[in-house]
Amino acid sequence: MNIENTIKKILSSELFVEVSEEEMGLDDSLRNDFSLDSMGFIELRVNCEEQFDIKISDEKFNDQNFKSIRTVADLVRELQMAKK
């Protein structure tokens, strides 16, 4: 499963987003389209850290990196590459 699909699965099964995985667009707003609140963003961060074996620093945990599924996936890739 690729990173984007894993994030969709997290949003659907762990954060109970009302939008089906098939309807989730990679550039849809996590806040506006999926109604994530501050607690949801924290849960998404923790789930990504666990799923992808990465650590998201407070500096990287920002609106720019947590804007959409695509931006979160890009951050995950960046952090995975930095570990190598």
PDB file of N, CA and C in Angstrom:
ATOM      1  N   MET A   1       0.856  -1.189   0.000  1.00  0.00           N
ATOM      2  CA  MET A   1       0.000   0.000   0.000  1.00  0.00           C
ATOM      3  C   MET A   1       0.896   1.245   0.000  1.00  0.00           C
ATOM      4  N   ASN A   2       0.560   2.198  -0.857  1.00  0.00           N
ATOM      5  CA  ASN A   2       1.402   3.398  -0.884  1.00  0.00           C
ATOM      6  C   ASN A   2       1.053   4.349   0.261  1.00  0.00           C
ATOM      7  N   ILE A   3       1.881   5.348   0.418  1.00  0.00           N
ATOM      8  CA  ILE A   3       1.741   6.273   1.546  1.00  0.00           C
ATOM      9  C   ILE A   3       0.386   6.982   1.524  1.00  0.00           C
ATOM     10  N   GLU A   4      -0.014   7.469   0.356  1.00  0.00           N
ATOM     11  CA  GLU A   4      -1.299   8.184   0.266  1.00  0.00           C
ATOM     12  C   GLU A   4      -2.468   7.290   0.684  1.00  0.00           C
ATOM     13  N   ASN A   5      -2.464   6.044   0.217  1.00  0.00           N
ATOM     14  CA  ASN A   5      -3.553   5.127   0.582  1.00  0.00           C
ATOM     15  C   ASN A   5      -3.535   4.784   2.066  1.00  0.00           C
ATOM     16  N   THR A   6      -2.351   4.685   2.634  1.00  0.00           N
ATOM     17  CA  THR A   6      -2.243   4.429   4.070  1.00  0.00           C
ATOM     18  C   THR A   6      -2.810   5.604   4.866  1.00  0.00           C
ATOM     19  N   ILE A   7      -2.530   6.817   4.429  1.00  0.00           N
ATOM     20  CA  ILE A   7      -3.066   8.008   5.101  1.00  0.00           C
ATOM     21  C   ILE A   7      -4.593   8.038   4.977  1.00  0.00           C
ATOM     22  N   LYS A   8      -5.108   7.697   3.804  1.00  0.00           N
ATOM     23  CA  LYS A   8      -6.570   7.628   3.629  1.00  0.00           C
ATOM     24  C   LYS A   8      -7.168   6.623   4.607  1.00  0.00           C
ATOM     25  N   LYS A   9      -6.511   5.473   4.747  1.00  0.00           N
ATOM     26  CA  LYS A   9      -6.988   4.431   5.651  1.00  0.00           C
ATOM     27  C   LYS A   9      -6.986   4.936   7.091  1.00  0.00           C
ATOM     28  N   ILE A  10      -5.929   5.659   7.484  1.00  0.00           N
ATOM     29  CA  ILE A  10      -5.857   6.243   8.829  1.00  0.00           C
ATOM     30  C   ILE A  10      -7.022   7.208   9.037  1.00  0.00           C
ATOM     31  N   LEU A  11      -7.253   8.088   8.055  1.00  0.00           N
ATOM     32  CA  LEU A  11      -8.334   9.063   8.167  1.00  0.00           C
ATOM     33  C   LEU A  11      -9.678   8.362   8.319  1.00  0.00           C
ATOM     34  N   SER A  12      -9.867   7.299   7.570  1.00  0.00           N
ATOM     35  CA  SER A  12     -11.131   6.581   7.574  1.00  0.00           C
ATOM     36  C   SER A  12     -11.324   5.725   8.823  1.00  0.00           C
ATOM     37  N   SER A  13     -10.334   4.895   9.146  1.00  0.00           N
ATOM     38  CA  SER A  13     -10.526   3.918  10.216  1.00  0.00           C
ATOM     39  C   SER A  13     -10.144   4.424  11.606  1.00  0.00           C
ATOM     40  N   GLU A  14      -9.166   5.315  11.684  1.00  0.00           N
ATOM     41  CA  GLU A  14      -8.707   5.792  12.992  1.00  0.00           C
ATOM     42  C   GLU A  14      -9.337   7.132  13.393  1.00  0.00           C
ATOM     43  N   LEU A  15      -9.554   7.996  12.409  1.00  0.00           N
ATOM     44  CA  LEU A  15     -10.083   9.332  12.710  1.00  0.00           C
ATOM     45  C   LEU A  15     -11.548   9.481  12.328  1.00  0.00           C
ATOM     46  N   PHE A  16     -12.105   8.435  11.746  1.00  0.00           N
ATOM     47  CA  PHE A  16     -13.530   8.373  11.429  1.00  0.00           C
ATOM     48  C   PHE A  16     -14.029   9.538  10.575  1.00  0.00           C
ATOM     49  N   VAL A  17     -13.214   9.910   9.579  1.00  0.00           N
ATOM     50  CA  VAL A  17     -13.626  10.945   8.628  1.00  0.00           C
ATOM     51  C   VAL A  17     -14.832  10.423   7.867  1.00  0.00           C
ATOM     52  N   GLU A  18     -15.816  11.276   7.644  1.00  0.00           N
ATOM     53  CA  GLU A  18     -17.079  10.884   7.019  1.00  0.00           C
ATOM     54  C   GLU A  18     -16.966  10.626   5.517  1.00  0.00           C
ATOM     55  N   VAL A  19     -15.882  11.062   4.890  1.00  0.00           N
ATOM     56  CA  VAL A  19     -15.694  10.902   3.447  1.00  0.00           C
ATOM     57  C   VAL A  19     -15.092   9.513   3.193  1.00  0.00           C
ATOM     58  N   SER A  20     -15.634   8.789   2.203  1.00  0.00           N
ATOM     59  CA  SER A  20     -15.096   7.456   1.910  1.00  0.00           C
ATOM     60  C   SER A  20     -13.698   7.585   1.307  1.00  0.00           C
ATOM     61  N   GLU A  21     -12.901   6.544   1.482  1.00  0.00           N
ATOM     62  CA  GLU A  21     -11.529   6.563   0.968  1.00  0.00           C
ATOM     63  C   GLU A  21     -11.504   6.812  -0.535  1.00  0.00           C
ATOM     64  N   GLU A  22     -12.466   6.228  -1.256  1.00  0.00           N
ATOM     65  CA  GLU A  22     -12.519   6.384  -2.713  1.00  0.00           C
ATOM     66  C   GLU A  22     -12.782   7.835  -3.122  1.00  0.00           C
ATOM     67  N   GLU A  23     -13.487   8.572  -2.285  1.00  0.00           N
ATOM     68  CA  GLU A  23     -13.841   9.959  -2.607  1.00  0.00           C
ATOM     69  C   GLU A  23     -12.813  10.972  -2.112  1.00  0.00           C
ATOM     70  N   MET A  24     -11.834  10.519  -1.345  1.00  0.00           N
ATOM     71  CA  MET A  24     -10.824  11.436  -0.810  1.00  0.00           C
ATOM     72  C   MET A  24      -9.864  11.849  -1.922  1.00  0.00           C
ATOM     73  N   GLY A  25      -9.775  13.163  -2.156  1.00  0.00           N
ATOM     74  CA  GLY A  25      -8.819  13.676  -3.121  1.00  0.00           C
ATOM     75  C   GLY A  25      -7.500  13.983  -2.428  1.00  0.00           C
ATOM     76  N   LEU A  26      -6.400  13.795  -3.139  1.00  0.00           N
ATOM     77  CA  LEU A  26      -5.086  14.012  -2.536  1.00  0.00           C
ATOM     78  C   LEU A  26      -4.866  15.460  -2.123  1.00  0.00           C
ATOM     79  N   ASP A  27      -5.564  16.391  -2.781  1.00  0.00           N
ATOM     80  CA  ASP A  27      -5.380  17.808  -2.467  1.00  0.00           C
ATOM     81  C   ASP A  27      -6.551  18.406  -1.690  1.00  0.00           C
ATOM     82  N   ASP A  28      -7.490  17.569  -1.265  1.00  0.00           N
ATOM     83  CA  ASP A  28      -8.595  18.061  -0.434  1.00  0.00           C
ATOM     84  C   ASP A  28      -8.029  18.553   0.898  1.00  0.00           C
ATOM     85  N   SER A  29      -8.630  19.599   1.423  1.00  0.00           N
ATOM     86  CA  SER A  29      -8.178  20.176   2.683  1.00  0.00           C
ATOM     87  C   SER A  29      -8.546  19.271   3.863  1.00  0.00           C
ATOM     88  N   LEU A  30      -7.544  18.923   4.662  1.00  0.00           N
ATOM     89  CA  LEU A  30      -7.806  18.104   5.845  1.00  0.00           C
ATOM     90  C   LEU A  30      -8.750  18.831   6.802  1.00  0.00           C
ATOM     91  N   ARG A  31      -8.608  20.136   6.898  1.00  0.00           N
ATOM     92  CA  ARG A  31      -9.439  20.915   7.806  1.00  0.00           C
ATOM     93  C   ARG A  31     -10.834  21.169   7.218  1.00  0.00           C
ATOM     94  N   ASN A  32     -10.888  21.662   6.000  1.00  0.00           N
ATOM     95  CA  ASN A  32     -12.173  22.078   5.427  1.00  0.00           C
ATOM     96  C   ASN A  32     -12.984  20.940   4.815  1.00  0.00           C
ATOM     97  N   ASP A  33     -12.319  20.027   4.112  1.00  0.00           N
ATOM     98  CA  ASP A  33     -13.050  18.951   3.443  1.00  0.00           C
ATOM     99  C   ASP A  33     -13.281  17.739   4.332  1.00  0.00           C
ATOM    100  N   PHE A  34     -12.343  17.480   5.251  1.00  0.00           N
ATOM    101  CA  PHE A  34     -12.464  16.307   6.116  1.00  0.00           C
ATOM    102  C   PHE A  34     -12.783  16.671   7.560  1.00  0.00           C
ATOM    103  N   SER A  35     -12.909  17.971   7.836  1.00  0.00           N
ATOM    104  CA  SER A  35     -13.318  18.482   9.148  1.00  0.00           C
ATOM    105  C   SER A  35     -12.421  18.053  10.303  1.00  0.00           C
ATOM    106  N   LEU A  36     -11.109  17.931  10.047  1.00  0.00           N
ATOM    107  CA  LEU A  36     -10.205  17.616  11.150  1.00  0.00           C
ATOM    108  C   LEU A  36     -10.075  18.829  12.062  1.00  0.00           C
ATOM    109  N   ASP A  37     -10.145  18.587  13.363  1.00  0.00           N
ATOM    110  CA  ASP A  37      -9.915  19.653  14.333  1.00  0.00           C
ATOM    111  C   ASP A  37      -8.513  19.459  14.910  1.00  0.00           C
ATOM    112  N   SER A  38      -8.144  20.274  15.876  1.00  0.00           N
ATOM    113  CA  SER A  38      -6.776  20.209  16.411  1.00  0.00           C
ATOM    114  C   SER A  38      -6.453  18.824  16.970  1.00  0.00           C
ATOM    115  N   MET A  39      -7.413  18.193  17.606  1.00  0.00           N
ATOM    116  CA  MET A  39      -7.199  16.847  18.143  1.00  0.00           C
ATOM    117  C   MET A  39      -7.001  15.846  17.000  1.00  0.00           C
ATOM    118  N   GLY A  40      -7.758  16.011  15.935  1.00  0.00           N
ATOM    119  CA  GLY A  40      -7.620  15.136  14.764  1.00  0.00           C
ATOM    120  C   GLY A  40      -6.245  15.237  14.133  1.00  0.00           C
ATOM    121  N   PHE A  41      -5.708  16.459  14.073  1.00  0.00           N
ATOM    122  CA  PHE A  41      -4.371  16.642  13.512  1.00  0.00           C
ATOM    123  C   PHE A  41      -3.314  15.947  14.378  1.00  0.00           C
ATOM    124  N   ILE A  42      -3.478  16.036  15.684  1.00  0.00           N
ATOM    125  CA  ILE A  42      -2.540  15.375  16.594  1.00  0.00           C
ATOM    126  C   ILE A  42      -2.629  13.858  16.419  1.00  0.00           C
ATOM    127  N   GLU A  43      -3.842  13.337  16.316  1.00  0.00           N
ATOM    128  CA  GLU A  43      -4.026  11.894  16.117  1.00  0.00           C
ATOM    129  C   GLU A  43      -3.432  11.454  14.781  1.00  0.00           C
ATOM    130  N   LEU A  44      -3.597  12.267  13.750  1.00  0.00           N
ATOM    131  CA  LEU A  44      -3.014  11.945  12.446  1.00  0.00           C
ATOM    132  C   LEU A  44      -1.491  11.903  12.548  1.00  0.00           C
ATOM    133  N   ARG A  45      -0.940  12.861  13.245  1.00  0.00           N
ATOM    134  CA  ARG A  45       0.524  12.893  13.445  1.00  0.00           C
ATOM    135  C   ARG A  45       1.011  11.618  14.118  1.00  0.00           C
ATOM    136  N   VAL A  46       0.374  11.252  15.218  1.00  0.00           N
ATOM    137  CA  VAL A  46       0.781  10.069  15.985  1.00  0.00           C
ATOM    138  C   VAL A  46       0.624   8.806  15.142  1.00  0.00           C
ATOM    139  N   ASN A  47      -0.492   8.686  14.435  1.00  0.00           N
ATOM    140  CA  ASN A  47      -0.718   7.517  13.585  1.00  0.00           C
ATOM    141  C   ASN A  47       0.323   7.421  12.478  1.00  0.00           C
ATOM    142  N   CYS A  48       0.689   8.538  11.868  1.00  0.00           N
ATOM    143  CA  CYS A  48       1.711   8.532  10.816  1.00  0.00           C
ATOM    144  C   CYS A  48       3.066   8.127  11.394  1.00  0.00           C
ATOM    145  N   GLU A  49       3.383   8.648  12.576  1.00  0.00           N
ATOM    146  CA  GLU A  49       4.657   8.282  13.209  1.00  0.00           C
ATOM    147  C   GLU A  49       4.721   6.773  13.441  1.00  0.00           C
ATOM    148  N   GLU A  50       3.625   6.194  13.904  1.00  0.00           N
ATOM    149  CA  GLU A  50       3.592   4.759  14.180  1.00  0.00           C
ATOM    150  C   GLU A  50       3.602   3.938  12.895  1.00  0.00           C
ATOM    151  N   GLN A  51       2.768   4.308  11.948  1.00  0.00           N
ATOM    152  CA  GLN A  51       2.637   3.543  10.701  1.00  0.00           C
ATOM    153  C   GLN A  51       3.910   3.556   9.861  1.00  0.00           C
ATOM    154  N   PHE A  52       4.570   4.703   9.816  1.00  0.00           N
ATOM    155  CA  PHE A  52       5.702   4.871   8.910  1.00  0.00           C
ATOM    156  C   PHE A  52       7.059   4.862   9.625  1.00  0.00           C
ATOM    157  N   ASP A  53       7.032   4.633  10.937  1.00  0.00           N
ATOM    158  CA  ASP A  53       8.259   4.579  11.733  1.00  0.00           C
ATOM    159  C   ASP A  53       9.121   5.834  11.546  1.00  0.00           C
ATOM    160  N   ILE A  54       8.479   6.976  11.764  1.00  0.00           N
ATOM    161  CA  ILE A  54       9.158   8.273  11.651  1.00  0.00           C
ATOM    162  C   ILE A  54       8.847   9.092  12.896  1.00  0.00           C
ATOM    163  N   LYS A  55       9.554  10.195  13.047  1.00  0.00           N
ATOM    164  CA  LYS A  55       9.285  11.165  14.125  1.00  0.00           C
ATOM    165  C   LYS A  55       9.029  12.502  13.464  1.00  0.00           C
ATOM    166  N   ILE A  56       7.849  13.065  13.697  1.00  0.00           N
ATOM    167  CA  ILE A  56       7.502  14.376  13.140  1.00  0.00           C
ATOM    168  C   ILE A  56       7.763  15.418  14.219  1.00  0.00           C
ATOM    169  N   SER A  57       8.761  16.247  13.984  1.00  0.00           N
ATOM    170  CA  SER A  57       9.126  17.272  14.969  1.00  0.00           C
ATOM    171  C   SER A  57       8.028  18.335  15.062  1.00  0.00           C
ATOM    172  N   ASP A  58       8.041  19.066  16.156  1.00  0.00           N
ATOM    173  CA  ASP A  58       7.081  20.167  16.312  1.00  0.00           C
ATOM    174  C   ASP A  58       7.248  21.180  15.190  1.00  0.00           C
ATOM    175  N   GLU A  59       8.482  21.357  14.741  1.00  0.00           N
ATOM    176  CA  GLU A  59       8.771  22.304  13.658  1.00  0.00           C
ATOM    177  C   GLU A  59       8.095  21.870  12.349  1.00  0.00           C
ATOM    178  N   LYS A  60       8.053  20.563  12.088  1.00  0.00           N
ATOM    179  CA  LYS A  60       7.448  20.031  10.855  1.00  0.00           C
ATOM    180  C   LYS A  60       5.934  19.859  10.979  1.00  0.00           C
ATOM    181  N   PHE A  61       5.429  19.884  12.206  1.00  0.00           N
ATOM    182  CA  PHE A  61       3.988  19.715  12.456  1.00  0.00           C
ATOM    183  C   PHE A  61       3.316  21.073  12.311  1.00  0.00           C
ATOM    184  N   ASN A  62       3.060  21.457  11.050  1.00  0.00           N
ATOM    185  CA  ASN A  62       2.495  22.782  10.788  1.00  0.00           C
ATOM    186  C   ASN A  62       1.424  22.719   9.699  1.00  0.00           C
ATOM    187  N   ASP A  63       0.751  23.843   9.496  1.00  0.00           N
ATOM    188  CA  ASP A  63      -0.353  23.910   8.527  1.00  0.00           C
ATOM    189  C   ASP A  63       0.089  23.555   7.115  1.00  0.00           C
ATOM    190  N   GLN A  64       1.304  23.923   6.762  1.00  0.00           N
ATOM    191  CA  GLN A  64       1.802  23.668   5.409  1.00  0.00           C
ATOM    192  C   GLN A  64       1.970  22.165   5.159  1.00  0.00           C
ATOM    193  N   ASN A  65       2.529  21.446   6.119  1.00  0.00           N
ATOM    194  CA  ASN A  65       2.766  20.012   5.960  1.00  0.00           C
ATOM    195  C   ASN A  65       1.520  19.161   6.206  1.00  0.00           C
ATOM    196  N   PHE A  66       0.550  19.717   6.926  1.00  0.00           N
ATOM    197  CA  PHE A  66      -0.687  18.989   7.231  1.00  0.00           C
ATOM    198  C   PHE A  66      -1.889  19.653   6.571  1.00  0.00           C
ATOM    199  N   LYS A  67      -1.701  20.056   5.334  1.00  0.00           N
ATOM    200  CA  LYS A  67      -2.741  20.732   4.567  1.00  0.00           C
ATOM    201  C   LYS A  67      -3.658  19.725   3.859  1.00  0.00           C
ATOM    202  N   SER A  68      -3.052  18.661   3.305  1.00  0.00           N
ATOM    203  CA  SER A  68      -3.790  17.676   2.509  1.00  0.00           C
ATOM    204  C   SER A  68      -3.103  16.318   2.627  1.00  0.00           C
ATOM    205  N   ILE A  69      -3.735  15.322   2.067  1.00  0.00           N
ATOM    206  CA  ILE A  69      -3.121  13.988   2.053  1.00  0.00           C
ATOM    207  C   ILE A  69      -1.778  14.055   1.328  1.00  0.00           C
ATOM    208  N   ARG A  70      -1.722  14.800   0.224  1.00  0.00           N
ATOM    209  CA  ARG A  70      -0.483  14.906  -0.551  1.00  0.00           C
ATOM    210  C   ARG A  70       0.647  15.534   0.271  1.00  0.00           C
ATOM    211  N   THR A  71       0.358  16.610   1.006  1.00  0.00           N
ATOM    212  CA  THR A  71       1.425  17.271   1.765  1.00  0.00           C
ATOM    213  C   THR A  71       1.907  16.395   2.923  1.00  0.00           C
ATOM    214  N   VAL A  72       1.001  15.642   3.540  1.00  0.00           N
ATOM    215  CA  VAL A  72       1.413  14.728   4.613  1.00  0.00           C
ATOM    216  C   VAL A  72       2.270  13.613   4.024  1.00  0.00           C
ATOM    217  N   ALA A  73       1.862  13.074   2.882  1.00  0.00           N
ATOM    218  CA  ALA A  73       2.631  12.008   2.219  1.00  0.00           C
ATOM    219  C   ALA A  73       4.026  12.507   1.838  1.00  0.00           C
ATOM    220  N   ASP A  74       4.099  13.733   1.335  1.00  0.00           N
ATOM    221  CA  ASP A  74       5.408  14.310   0.986  1.00  0.00           C
ATOM    222  C   ASP A  74       6.299  14.429   2.223  1.00  0.00           C
ATOM    223  N   LEU A  75       5.716  14.844   3.336  1.00  0.00           N
ATOM    224  CA  LEU A  75       6.470  14.951   4.588  1.00  0.00           C
ATOM    225  C   LEU A  75       6.967  13.572   5.035  1.00  0.00           C
ATOM    226  N   VAL A  76       6.102  12.572   4.950  1.00  0.00           N
ATOM    227  CA  VAL A  76       6.485  11.212   5.331  1.00  0.00           C
ATOM    228  C   VAL A  76       7.671  10.754   4.477  1.00  0.00           C
ATOM    229  N   ARG A  77       7.594  10.970   3.163  1.00  0.00           N
ATOM    230  CA  ARG A  77       8.699  10.576   2.273  1.00  0.00           C
ATOM    231  C   ARG A  77       9.990  11.300   2.652  1.00  0.00           C
ATOM    232  N   GLU A  78       9.862  12.587   2.911  1.00  0.00           N
ATOM    233  CA  GLU A  78      11.036  13.384   3.295  1.00  0.00           C
ATOM    234  C   GLU A  78      11.686  12.820   4.559  1.00  0.00           C
ATOM    235  N   LEU A  79      10.876  12.494   5.557  1.00  0.00           N
ATOM    236  CA  LEU A  79      11.395  11.998   6.829  1.00  0.00           C
ATOM    237  C   LEU A  79      11.951  10.576   6.680  1.00  0.00           C
ATOM    238  N   GLN A  80      11.332   9.786   5.822  1.00  0.00           N
ATOM    239  CA  GLN A  80      11.862   8.433   5.575  1.00  0.00           C
ATOM    240  C   GLN A  80      13.219   8.507   4.886  1.00  0.00           C
ATOM    241  N   MET A  81      13.345   9.406   3.924  1.00  0.00           N
ATOM    242  CA  MET A  81      14.629   9.563   3.216  1.00  0.00           C
ATOM    243  C   MET A  81      15.718  10.058   4.166  1.00  0.00           C
ATOM    244  N   ALA A  82      15.367  10.930   5.087  1.00  0.00           N
ATOM    245  CA  ALA A  82      16.334  11.488   6.032  1.00  0.00           C
ATOM    246  C   ALA A  82      16.879  10.409   6.972  1.00  0.00           C
ATOM    247  N   LYS A  83      16.095   9.348   7.179  1.00  0.00           N
ATOM    248  CA  LYS A  83      16.524   8.258   8.061  1.00  0.00           C
ATOM    249  C   LYS A  83      17.561   7.363   7.409  1.00  0.00           C
ATOM    250  N   LYS A  84      17.617   7.371   6.085  1.00  0.00           N
ATOM    251  CA  LYS A  84      18.519   6.448   5.370  1.00  0.00           C
ATOM    252  C   LYS A  84      19.947   6.919   5.381  1.00  0.00           C
TER     253      LYS A  84
END
